[in-house]
Protein backbone atom coordinates (compact mmCIF):
# COMPACT_ATOMS: atom_id res chain seq x y z
CA MET A 1 0.00 0.00 0.00
CA THR A 2 1.51 3.37 -1.01
CA SER A 3 1.07 6.73 0.80
CA ASP A 4 1.25 10.37 -0.11
CA GLY A 5 3.84 12.80 1.10
CA HIS A 6 2.00 13.44 4.41
CA GLY A 7 1.85 9.72 5.40
CA ARG A 8 -1.77 9.23 4.44
CA PRO A 9 -2.54 5.92 2.68
CA LEU A 10 -3.60 6.00 -0.92
CA ALA A 11 -6.15 3.73 -2.65
CA PRO A 12 -4.74 0.23 -3.33
CA SER A 13 -3.15 -0.24 -6.66
CA CYS A 14 -3.82 -3.09 -9.05
CA ALA A 15 -0.54 -4.68 -8.01
CA ASP A 16 -1.65 -4.59 -4.37
CA LEU A 17 -4.92 -6.27 -5.31
CA PHE A 18 -3.23 -9.02 -7.29
CA LEU A 19 -0.83 -9.60 -4.42
CA SER A 20 -3.71 -9.96 -2.02
CA ILE A 21 -5.26 -12.57 -4.31
CA ASN A 22 -2.04 -14.54 -4.36
CA GLY A 23 -1.87 -14.48 -0.58
CA GLN A 24 1.03 -12.03 -0.53
CA GLY A 25 -0.87 -8.88 0.40
CA ARG A 26 -3.67 -7.90 2.71
CA PRO A 27 -6.09 -10.85 3.05
CA ASP A 28 -9.24 -8.66 3.21
CA LEU A 29 -8.78 -7.03 -0.20
CA TRP A 30 -10.09 -8.63 -3.36
CA MET A 31 -10.49 -7.38 -6.87
CA ALA A 32 -14.12 -6.81 -7.76
CA GLY A 33 -15.40 -9.28 -10.32
CA LEU A 34 -12.86 -12.05 -9.71
CA LYS A 35 -15.07 -13.89 -7.23
CA PRO A 36 -18.80 -14.22 -7.97
CA ARG A 37 -19.97 -13.81 -4.38
CA LEU A 38 -17.87 -10.62 -4.03
CA SER A 39 -18.60 -9.15 -7.44
CA GLY A 40 -19.67 -5.51 -7.20
CA TRP A 41 -18.16 -4.73 -3.78
CA VAL A 42 -16.87 -1.21 -3.27
CA PHE A 43 -13.45 -0.75 -1.72
CA LEU A 44 -13.52 2.31 0.51
CA ASP A 45 -11.15 1.45 3.31
CA GLY A 46 -8.13 2.69 1.41
CA VAL A 47 -9.72 6.10 0.91
CA HIS A 48 -11.97 6.79 3.90
CA GLY A 49 -10.90 4.15 6.39
CA VAL A 50 -14.22 2.30 6.06
CA ASP A 51 -14.30 -1.51 6.28
CA SER A 52 -15.81 -2.37 2.93
CA THR A 53 -16.36 -6.06 3.80
CA GLY A 54 -19.79 -5.14 5.19
CA VAL A 55 -20.85 -2.99 2.22
CA GLU A 56 -22.77 -4.24 -0.79
CA THR A 57 -23.98 -2.39 -3.81
CA LEU A 58 -27.69 -1.88 -4.38
CA ALA A 59 -27.69 -4.22 -7.37
CA THR A 60 -26.04 -6.99 -5.37
CA LEU A 61 -28.50 -6.60 -2.50
CA ILE A 62 -31.53 -6.70 -4.80
CA GLY A 63 -30.07 -9.76 -6.50
CA HIS A 64 -29.72 -11.53 -3.18
CA GLU A 65 -33.30 -10.65 -2.23
CA MET A 66 -34.62 -11.91 -5.56
CA ARG A 67 -32.78 -15.19 -5.19
CA SER A 68 -34.13 -15.70 -1.66
CA ASN A 69 -37.71 -14.94 -2.70
CA THR A 70 -37.71 -16.91 -5.96
CA VAL A 71 -40.58 -19.47 -6.14
CA ARG A 72 -39.30 -23.00 -6.53
CA HIS A 73 -40.14 -24.64 -9.84
CA LYS A 74 -43.29 -26.77 -9.83
CA ASN A 75 -44.51 -29.08 -12.53
CA SER A 76 -47.93 -28.56 -14.02
CA VAL A 77 -50.76 -30.92 -13.10
CA PHE A 78 -50.68 -32.27 -16.66
CA HIS A 79 -46.96 -32.99 -16.32
CA ASP A 80 -47.53 -34.98 -13.12
CA LEU A 81 -50.29 -37.01 -14.76
CA LEU A 82 -48.03 -37.92 -17.66
CA LYS A 83 -45.41 -39.27 -15.24
CA HIS A 84 -47.53 -42.42 -15.01
CA VAL A 85 -47.20 -43.08 -18.74
CA PRO A 86 -44.57 -45.79 -19.41
CA TRP A 87 -42.68 -43.78 -22.01
CA SER A 88 -40.01 -46.41 -22.61
CA GLU A 89 -42.69 -48.97 -23.43
CA PHE A 90 -44.47 -46.40 -25.58
CA GLU A 91 -41.32 -45.73 -27.59
CA ARG A 92 -40.89 -49.47 -28.06
CA LEU A 93 -44.46 -49.76 -29.39
CA VAL A 94 -43.95 -46.78 -31.70
CA SER A 95 -40.84 -48.42 -33.11
CA ALA A 96 -42.46 -51.87 -33.37
CA HIS A 97 -45.46 -50.54 -35.31
CA GLY A 98 -43.46 -48.01 -37.35
CA ALA A 99 -45.75 -45.21 -36.20
CA ASP A 100 -43.16 -42.46 -36.70
CA ALA A 101 -41.93 -43.67 -40.08
CA ARG A 102 -41.80 -40.80 -42.60
CA VAL A 103 -43.26 -38.41 -40.02
CA ARG A 104 -42.08 -34.83 -40.50
CA ARG A 105 -44.18 -32.69 -38.15
CA LEU A 106 -46.26 -34.36 -35.46
CA THR A 107 -44.64 -37.30 -33.67
CA THR A 108 -46.77 -40.05 -32.15
CA LYS A 109 -45.75 -38.85 -28.69
CA SER A 110 -47.03 -35.35 -29.44
CA GLN A 111 -50.21 -36.91 -30.83
CA LEU A 112 -50.76 -38.89 -27.63
CA ILE A 113 -50.13 -35.85 -25.43
CA ALA A 114 -52.53 -33.76 -27.53
CA LEU A 115 -55.28 -36.39 -27.27
CA LEU A 116 -54.73 -36.80 -23.53
CA TYR A 117 -54.94 -33.03 -23.17
CA GLY A 118 -58.28 -33.17 -24.97
CA GLN A 119 -59.53 -35.88 -22.60
CA PHE A 120 -58.41 -34.16 -19.39
CA SER A 121 -59.44 -30.65 -20.44
CA GLY A 122 -62.81 -31.67 -21.86
CA ALA A 123 -62.05 -30.39 -25.37
CA SER A 124 -64.73 -31.58 -27.77
CA SER A 125 -63.13 -30.75 -31.13
CA LEU A 126 -59.77 -30.66 -32.85
CA ARG A 127 -59.93 -26.86 -33.06
CA GLU A 128 -60.40 -26.66 -29.30
CA ILE A 129 -57.42 -28.94 -28.72
CA GLU A 130 -55.31 -26.86 -31.11
CA ALA A 131 -56.23 -23.59 -29.40
CA GLY A 132 -55.56 -24.99 -25.93
CA LEU A 133 -52.17 -26.40 -26.86
CA ASN A 134 -51.10 -23.17 -28.56
CA SER A 135 -51.95 -21.19 -25.43
CA HIS A 136 -49.63 -23.45 -23.39
CA ALA A 137 -46.84 -23.94 -25.93
CA LEU A 138 -44.07 -23.05 -23.46
CA ARG A 139 -45.20 -25.66 -20.95
CA LEU A 140 -45.52 -28.28 -23.67
CA TYR A 141 -41.79 -27.88 -24.21
CA HIS A 142 -41.12 -29.41 -20.78
CA LEU A 143 -43.31 -32.38 -21.76
CA GLY A 144 -41.29 -33.10 -24.88
CA ALA A 145 -44.20 -32.22 -27.15
CA LYS A 146 -45.20 -29.49 -29.58
CA PRO A 147 -48.53 -27.81 -30.40
CA ALA A 148 -50.50 -29.67 -33.04
CA ARG A 149 -52.36 -28.17 -35.98
CA ARG A 150 -55.91 -29.35 -36.46
CA SER A 151 -55.32 -30.78 -39.91
CA THR A 152 -52.08 -32.52 -38.89
CA LEU A 153 -53.75 -34.08 -35.84
CA ALA A 154 -56.69 -35.22 -37.96
CA ASP A 155 -54.33 -36.92 -40.42
CA ALA A 156 -52.45 -38.58 -37.57
CA ASN A 157 -55.68 -39.96 -36.08
CA ALA A 158 -56.68 -41.36 -39.44
CA LEU A 159 -53.32 -42.88 -40.41
CA ARG A 160 -51.25 -43.75 -37.32
CA PRO A 161 -51.71 -47.39 -36.20
CA ALA A 162 -54.32 -47.59 -33.46
CA ALA A 163 -52.55 -50.67 -32.09
CA VAL A 164 -49.89 -48.42 -30.52
CA PHE A 165 -52.45 -46.81 -28.21
CA ALA A 166 -54.43 -50.02 -27.57
CA ASP A 167 -51.26 -51.92 -26.66
CA LEU A 168 -50.12 -49.09 -24.40
CA PHE A 169 -53.43 -49.24 -22.53
CA ALA A 170 -53.17 -53.03 -22.25
CA TRP A 171 -49.61 -52.82 -20.92
CA LEU A 172 -50.42 -50.16 -18.33
CA ALA A 173 -53.64 -51.94 -17.26
CA GLY A 174 -51.79 -55.21 -16.82
CA ARG A 175 -48.97 -53.58 -14.88
CA ALA A 176 -51.32 -51.78 -12.50
CA HIS A 177 -53.46 -54.89 -12.15
CA ARG A 178 -50.53 -57.13 -11.20
CA GLY A 179 -49.44 -54.70 -8.51
CA LEU A 180 -52.90 -54.65 -6.99
CA ARG A 181 -53.49 -58.41 -7.24
CA ARG A 182 -50.71 -59.02 -4.73
CA ALA A 183 -52.88 -57.42 -2.05
CA LEU A 184 -56.19 -59.13 -2.93
CA ALA A 185 -57.19 -62.67 -2.03
CA GLU A 186 -59.96 -63.13 -4.60
CA THR A 187 -60.50 -61.91 -8.12
CA THR A 188 -63.89 -60.90 -9.50
CA TYR A 189 -64.12 -59.78 -13.12
CA LEU A 190 -67.15 -58.17 -14.75
CA ILE A 191 -67.70 -58.57 -18.49
CA ASP A 192 -69.95 -56.25 -20.46
CA ALA A 193 -70.08 -53.99 -23.50
CA THR A 194 -71.36 -50.49 -24.13
CA GLY A 195 -72.39 -48.91 -27.39
CA VAL A 196 -71.29 -45.53 -28.70
CA ARG A 197 -73.19 -43.84 -31.50
CA LEU A 198 -71.20 -42.41 -34.37
CA CYS A 199 -72.00 -39.80 -36.97
CA GLY A 200 -74.39 -40.99 -39.66
CA ALA A 201 -71.73 -40.27 -42.27
CA ALA A 202 -69.29 -42.72 -40.72
CA ALA A 203 -67.65 -45.43 -42.77
CA GLU A 204 -69.36 -48.69 -43.54
CA TRP A 205 -67.40 -50.54 -40.87
CA ALA A 206 -69.69 -49.12 -38.16
CA ARG A 207 -73.04 -49.08 -39.96
CA PHE A 208 -75.82 -51.26 -38.55
CA SER A 209 -78.82 -49.66 -40.29
CA ALA A 210 -79.55 -47.38 -43.20
CA LYS A 211 -79.35 -44.22 -41.07
CA ALA A 212 -77.32 -45.15 -38.03
CA SER A 213 -73.82 -46.36 -37.24
CA GLY A 214 -71.99 -47.10 -34.04
CA ALA A 215 -69.31 -49.06 -32.24
CA LYS A 216 -69.06 -51.23 -29.14
CA VAL A 217 -66.47 -51.21 -26.39
CA HIS A 218 -66.08 -54.67 -24.83
CA VAL A 219 -64.50 -54.52 -21.37
CA ILE A 220 -63.28 -56.84 -18.62
CA TYR A 221 -63.58 -54.83 -15.43
CA ASP A 222 -61.84 -55.57 -12.14
CA ALA A 223 -64.47 -54.81 -9.52
CA ASP A 224 -61.98 -54.78 -6.62
CA ALA A 225 -59.49 -52.49 -8.35
CA ASP A 226 -62.24 -50.34 -9.89
CA ARG A 227 -60.54 -50.24 -13.28
CA PRO A 228 -60.65 -52.05 -16.64
CA ILE A 229 -58.01 -54.67 -17.39
CA TYR A 230 -59.01 -55.41 -20.99
CA ALA A 231 -60.85 -53.54 -23.74
CA ALA A 232 -61.66 -54.18 -27.39
CA VAL A 233 -63.54 -52.10 -29.96
CA THR A 234 -65.82 -53.61 -32.59
CA ALA A 235 -68.63 -52.48 -34.84
CA ALA A 236 -72.00 -52.32 -33.11
CA LYS A 237 -73.36 -55.19 -35.19
CA ILE A 238 -70.83 -57.66 -33.72
CA ASN A 239 -72.41 -59.94 -31.13
CA ASP A 240 -71.18 -59.60 -27.54
CA ILE A 241 -70.32 -63.28 -27.21
CA THR A 242 -68.22 -63.15 -30.39
CA ALA A 243 -65.99 -60.51 -28.80
CA ALA A 244 -65.98 -62.34 -25.46
CA GLN A 245 -64.61 -65.51 -27.02
CA ALA A 246 -61.43 -63.59 -27.87
CA MET A 247 -60.97 -62.26 -24.33
CA PRO A 248 -58.15 -63.63 -22.14
CA ILE A 249 -59.34 -65.95 -19.37
CA GLU A 250 -57.56 -66.12 -16.00
CA SER A 251 -57.72 -69.53 -14.35
CA GLY A 252 -59.48 -69.61 -11.00
CA ALA A 253 -61.08 -66.18 -11.34
CA THR A 254 -64.77 -65.32 -10.97
CA TYR A 255 -66.51 -63.94 -14.07
CA VAL A 256 -69.84 -62.15 -13.84
CA PHE A 257 -71.79 -61.27 -16.99
CA ASP A 258 -75.33 -60.79 -18.27
CA LEU A 259 -77.67 -62.48 -20.74
CA GLY A 260 -75.72 -61.35 -23.80
CA TYR A 261 -73.02 -63.95 -23.13
CA VAL A 262 -74.96 -67.19 -23.32
CA ASP A 263 -72.72 -69.72 -25.01
CA TYR A 264 -72.43 -73.21 -23.53
CA ARG A 265 -69.15 -73.95 -25.29
CA TRP A 266 -67.56 -70.78 -23.85
CA TRP A 267 -68.94 -71.65 -20.42
CA ALA A 268 -67.48 -75.15 -20.64
CA LYS A 269 -64.08 -73.67 -21.50
CA MET A 270 -64.17 -71.37 -18.47
CA ASP A 271 -65.39 -74.20 -16.23
CA ALA A 272 -62.49 -76.40 -17.38
CA ALA A 273 -60.08 -73.57 -16.43
CA GLY A 274 -61.41 -73.57 -12.87
CA CYS A 275 -63.30 -70.29 -13.25
CA ARG A 276 -66.44 -69.50 -11.32
CA ILE A 277 -69.32 -68.31 -13.54
CA VAL A 278 -72.16 -66.08 -12.37
CA THR A 279 -74.74 -65.06 -14.96
CA ARG A 280 -78.49 -65.24 -15.66
CA PHE A 281 -80.72 -67.87 -17.17
CA LYS A 282 -82.73 -67.00 -20.20
CA ALA A 283 -86.45 -67.01 -19.52
CA ASN A 284 -87.03 -70.14 -21.63
CA THR A 285 -83.99 -72.15 -20.39
CA PRO A 286 -85.14 -75.20 -18.42
CA LEU A 287 -83.20 -76.83 -15.57
CA ALA A 288 -83.31 -80.57 -14.88
CA CYS A 289 -83.31 -80.36 -11.06
CA VAL A 290 -81.44 -83.05 -9.10
CA ALA A 291 -81.30 -81.38 -5.67
CA GLU A 292 -83.20 -78.72 -3.74
CA LEU A 293 -81.23 -76.73 -1.18
CA PRO A 294 -82.89 -75.06 1.86
CA VAL A 295 -83.41 -71.28 1.90
CA THR A 296 -84.37 -68.82 4.63
CA ALA A 297 -88.09 -68.15 4.66
CA GLY A 298 -89.13 -64.56 4.10
CA GLY A 299 -85.75 -63.53 2.64
CA PRO A 300 -84.92 -62.35 -0.88
CA ILE A 301 -83.77 -65.86 -1.89
CA LEU A 302 -86.83 -67.71 -3.18
CA SER A 303 -85.23 -71.03 -4.17
CA ASP A 304 -81.83 -72.70 -4.54
CA ARG A 305 -81.57 -75.73 -6.83
CA ILE A 306 -78.87 -77.87 -8.45
CA GLY A 307 -79.46 -79.40 -11.85
CA HIS A 308 -78.33 -79.78 -15.45
CA LEU A 309 -78.74 -77.61 -18.51
CA PRO A 310 -80.47 -79.08 -21.59
CA ALA A 311 -78.41 -81.84 -23.20
CA ARG A 312 -79.25 -80.56 -26.67
CA GLN A 313 -79.07 -77.10 -28.18
CA ALA A 314 -80.65 -75.67 -31.31
CA ALA A 315 -80.36 -77.79 -34.46
CA ASN A 316 -79.98 -80.86 -32.22
CA ARG A 317 -76.39 -79.95 -31.28
CA ARG A 318 -74.94 -81.58 -28.18
CA ASN A 319 -74.41 -79.27 -25.22
CA PRO A 320 -70.66 -79.35 -24.33
CA PHE A 321 -71.36 -78.05 -20.81
CA ALA A 322 -72.56 -81.19 -19.04
CA ASP A 323 -71.48 -80.38 -15.47
CA PRO A 324 -74.18 -79.58 -12.88
CA VAL A 325 -75.04 -75.92 -12.29
CA ARG A 326 -76.79 -73.89 -9.65
CA GLU A 327 -80.02 -71.93 -10.03
CA VAL A 328 -80.69 -69.22 -7.41
CA ARG A 329 -83.97 -67.37 -7.69
CA VAL A 330 -83.82 -63.98 -5.96
CA ARG A 331 -86.29 -61.10 -5.67
CA ILE A 332 -84.60 -57.70 -6.06
CA GLU A 333 -85.66 -54.31 -4.68
CA THR A 334 -87.92 -53.55 -7.64
CA GLY A 335 -89.86 -56.77 -7.10
CA LYS A 336 -88.45 -58.50 -10.18
CA VAL A 337 -87.39 -62.13 -9.81
CA LEU A 338 -84.00 -63.10 -11.32
CA ARG A 339 -82.81 -66.61 -12.15
CA ILE A 340 -79.08 -66.57 -11.43
CA LEU A 341 -76.86 -69.35 -12.81
CA SER A 342 -73.52 -70.41 -11.36
CA ASN A 343 -71.21 -73.40 -11.53
CA ASP A 344 -70.27 -72.89 -7.86
CA LEU A 345 -72.11 -75.59 -5.88
CA ASP A 346 -70.54 -74.78 -2.51
CA ALA A 347 -71.04 -71.03 -1.89
CA SER A 348 -74.19 -69.79 -0.19
CA ALA A 349 -77.09 -68.54 -2.26
CA GLU A 350 -76.66 -65.08 -0.74
CA ALA A 351 -73.01 -64.98 -1.85
CA ILE A 352 -73.93 -65.88 -5.42
CA ALA A 353 -76.69 -63.27 -5.50
CA GLY A 354 -74.23 -60.71 -4.11
CA LEU A 355 -71.72 -61.49 -6.86
CA TYR A 356 -74.30 -60.88 -9.55
CA LYS A 357 -75.30 -57.62 -7.88
CA ARG A 358 -71.71 -56.41 -8.26
CA ARG A 359 -72.24 -56.42 -12.02
CA TRP A 360 -73.69 -52.93 -11.74
CA ALA A 361 -70.19 -51.60 -11.03
CA ILE A 362 -69.31 -51.92 -14.71
CA GLU A 363 -72.49 -50.05 -15.66
CA LEU A 364 -71.38 -47.22 -13.39
CA PHE A 365 -67.94 -47.31 -15.04
CA PHE A 366 -69.48 -46.93 -18.51
CA ARG A 367 -71.61 -44.02 -17.32
CA TRP A 368 -68.58 -42.37 -15.67
CA ILE A 369 -66.36 -42.44 -18.73
CA LYS A 370 -69.18 -41.23 -21.01
CA GLN A 371 -69.98 -38.30 -18.75
CA THR A 372 -66.45 -37.36 -17.66
CA LEU A 373 -64.23 -38.31 -20.62
CA LYS A 374 -64.67 -37.80 -24.35
CA ILE A 375 -66.02 -41.13 -25.58
CA SER A 376 -69.41 -40.09 -26.96
CA ARG A 377 -68.36 -37.33 -29.37
CA PHE A 378 -65.58 -38.36 -31.72
CA LEU A 379 -62.84 -36.32 -33.37
CA GLY A 380 -62.77 -38.47 -36.52
CA ARG A 381 -65.08 -40.73 -38.49
CA SER A 382 -62.69 -43.43 -39.64
CA GLU A 383 -62.36 -46.72 -37.81
CA ASN A 384 -58.76 -45.94 -36.93
CA ALA A 385 -59.62 -42.55 -35.42
CA VAL A 386 -62.45 -44.03 -33.35
CA ARG A 387 -60.24 -46.83 -32.04
CA ILE A 388 -57.48 -44.35 -31.11
CA GLN A 389 -59.86 -42.05 -29.26
CA ILE A 390 -61.44 -44.88 -27.27
CA ALA A 391 -58.02 -46.30 -26.36
CA VAL A 392 -56.78 -42.86 -25.24
CA ALA A 393 -59.96 -42.31 -23.19
CA LEU A 394 -59.42 -45.60 -21.35
CA LEU A 395 -55.76 -44.69 -20.90
CA ALA A 396 -56.81 -41.32 -19.43
CA PHE A 397 -59.09 -43.17 -17.00
CA LEU A 398 -56.17 -45.29 -15.81
CA LEU A 399 -53.91 -42.25 -15.42
CA LEU A 400 -56.57 -40.52 -13.31
CA ARG A 401 -56.91 -43.60 -11.11
CA LEU A 402 -53.15 -43.92 -10.65
CA ALA A 403 -52.77 -40.21 -9.87
CA GLN A 404 -55.65 -40.28 -7.41
CA ALA A 405 -54.19 -43.30 -5.63
CA ALA A 406 -50.93 -41.38 -5.12
CA GLN A 407 -52.65 -38.72 -3.00
CA LYS A 408 -55.03 -38.86 -0.03
CA THR A 409 -56.69 -35.44 -0.20
CA VAL A 410 -59.49 -36.06 -2.73
CA GLN A 411 -61.33 -39.37 -2.32
CA SER A 412 -64.10 -38.97 -4.90
CA PRO A 413 -63.01 -39.98 -8.44
CA LEU A 414 -65.47 -37.52 -9.98
CA ALA A 415 -64.31 -34.63 -7.79
CA PHE A 416 -60.68 -35.49 -8.56
CA ALA A 417 -61.35 -35.50 -12.31
CA ARG A 418 -63.06 -32.10 -12.08
CA LEU A 419 -60.14 -30.63 -10.14
CA ILE A 420 -57.73 -32.00 -12.73
CA ARG A 421 -59.72 -30.30 -15.49
CA ALA A 422 -59.78 -26.98 -13.63
CA ASN A 423 -56.04 -27.01 -12.82
CA LEU A 424 -54.65 -29.00 -15.75
CA MET A 425 -51.96 -26.53 -16.87
CA HIS A 426 -51.42 -24.86 -13.50
CA ARG A 427 -48.20 -25.45 -11.55
CA ARG A 428 -49.69 -27.26 -8.59
CA ARG A 429 -49.09 -30.50 -6.75
CA LEU A 430 -51.71 -33.20 -7.10
CA ASP A 431 -52.10 -33.50 -3.32
CA ARG A 432 -52.80 -29.77 -3.00
CA LEU A 433 -55.54 -29.27 -5.58
CA LEU A 434 -57.97 -28.17 -2.88
CA GLN A 435 -55.56 -25.62 -1.38
CA SER A 436 -55.21 -22.05 -2.57
CA ASP A 437 -51.75 -20.76 -3.42
CA PRO A 438 -50.31 -18.58 -0.58
CA PRO A 439 -49.20 -15.05 -1.45
CA PRO A 440 -45.45 -14.51 -1.80
CA PRO A 441 -43.80 -13.53 1.52
CA LEU A 442 -42.86 -9.89 2.08
CA ASN A 443 -39.30 -9.14 3.15
CA PRO A 444 -39.23 -6.21 5.62
CA ASN A 445 -35.54 -5.61 4.87
CA GLN A 446 -36.04 -5.09 1.16
CA LEU A 447 -33.93 -2.23 -0.28
CA VAL A 448 -32.26 -1.60 3.11
CA LEU A 449 -28.49 -1.22 2.89
CA PRO A 450 -26.69 -2.91 5.79
CA TRP A 451 -23.65 -0.97 7.03
CA ALA A 452 -21.19 -2.59 9.34
């Protein structure tokens, strides 16, 4: 440090500052800008005798305040929902089916994200999906997707293989189902189909009359897990039992279905696999009774009998299901009497009647997806577009169930779906959808210069 002629110290020179950096000068002097945490400090001690180690510039102080008050990054609700999508499996399916071959603009991943956005947001048209995605283009970047034009999305729905989306749903349903099965002792599956009406100008594949066309969604529903484990789409004119014969059968499980699935050969196949069958007799189906079981007088169970189905079917064909079956007659709340059939000869009549009553869970599932998701108004008329939209709707249902299971705040599935729709692109945690965002904290020391 140099001094003037009267012995007063002068401001430190550059050499003094460099020496201090190398450890050869004063240890409390640093050159401004050489260390990030000390950048912008003002050196006054050499001039006025002030210890500048406690002095910060206004810009540095404001910068520190901004860093301390910065809101931590949060993912959007849509981003958290998409975390449950098995993207590695999806990429494998895209590659296996060649879905992205010769694709220049909209990848299959962007197509899936756009269609899921339409399901979760309630968008009812391609134009609405396009407008919504464009308004959130910056947040789509973090999802690895891009906004989709209406015409490009329409072409993708018509041309991309629907098997990619159907196989993705099947994979995710099977994975979630296996995880839940480890905690359940029994398995009860419900089989049914629901019809969806299509535009009258739809292709011939879905036409069942001169002025109407439609499709069917055939589902195996896990009543304990409250989610589908299998789904297939056919034209409305396809018989329910024809689609059921292609369904996978799990040995030892219980299958509950209605009158539309009367096929003795299919029943015999399930019986040979050790499955328990619970269904209904047709009104004109006789039973050759061999045993009458006691029932409680005055209860809903009217009779409980064991017998055999007719040995011959139509056209004098032999009935392949020759094992004895159970007939339980029960009076329901409306006063109607049902004839319930089962191959379980050991369970109580009340248990068999209770299993058939559970069949209404799949009816509630069909009503839920038609009212909450977009499965009644379609974005395209081709068979491929309809199959893709139905598969994505079922996939959206699974994602909602998985996301709801990961939080404990909202118990109602319908309320959770509504909150997802209202906060889809907001940066909020899924377990805090019912909480309002707190205001940013106020710092009482803002713009105050500390002097040592």
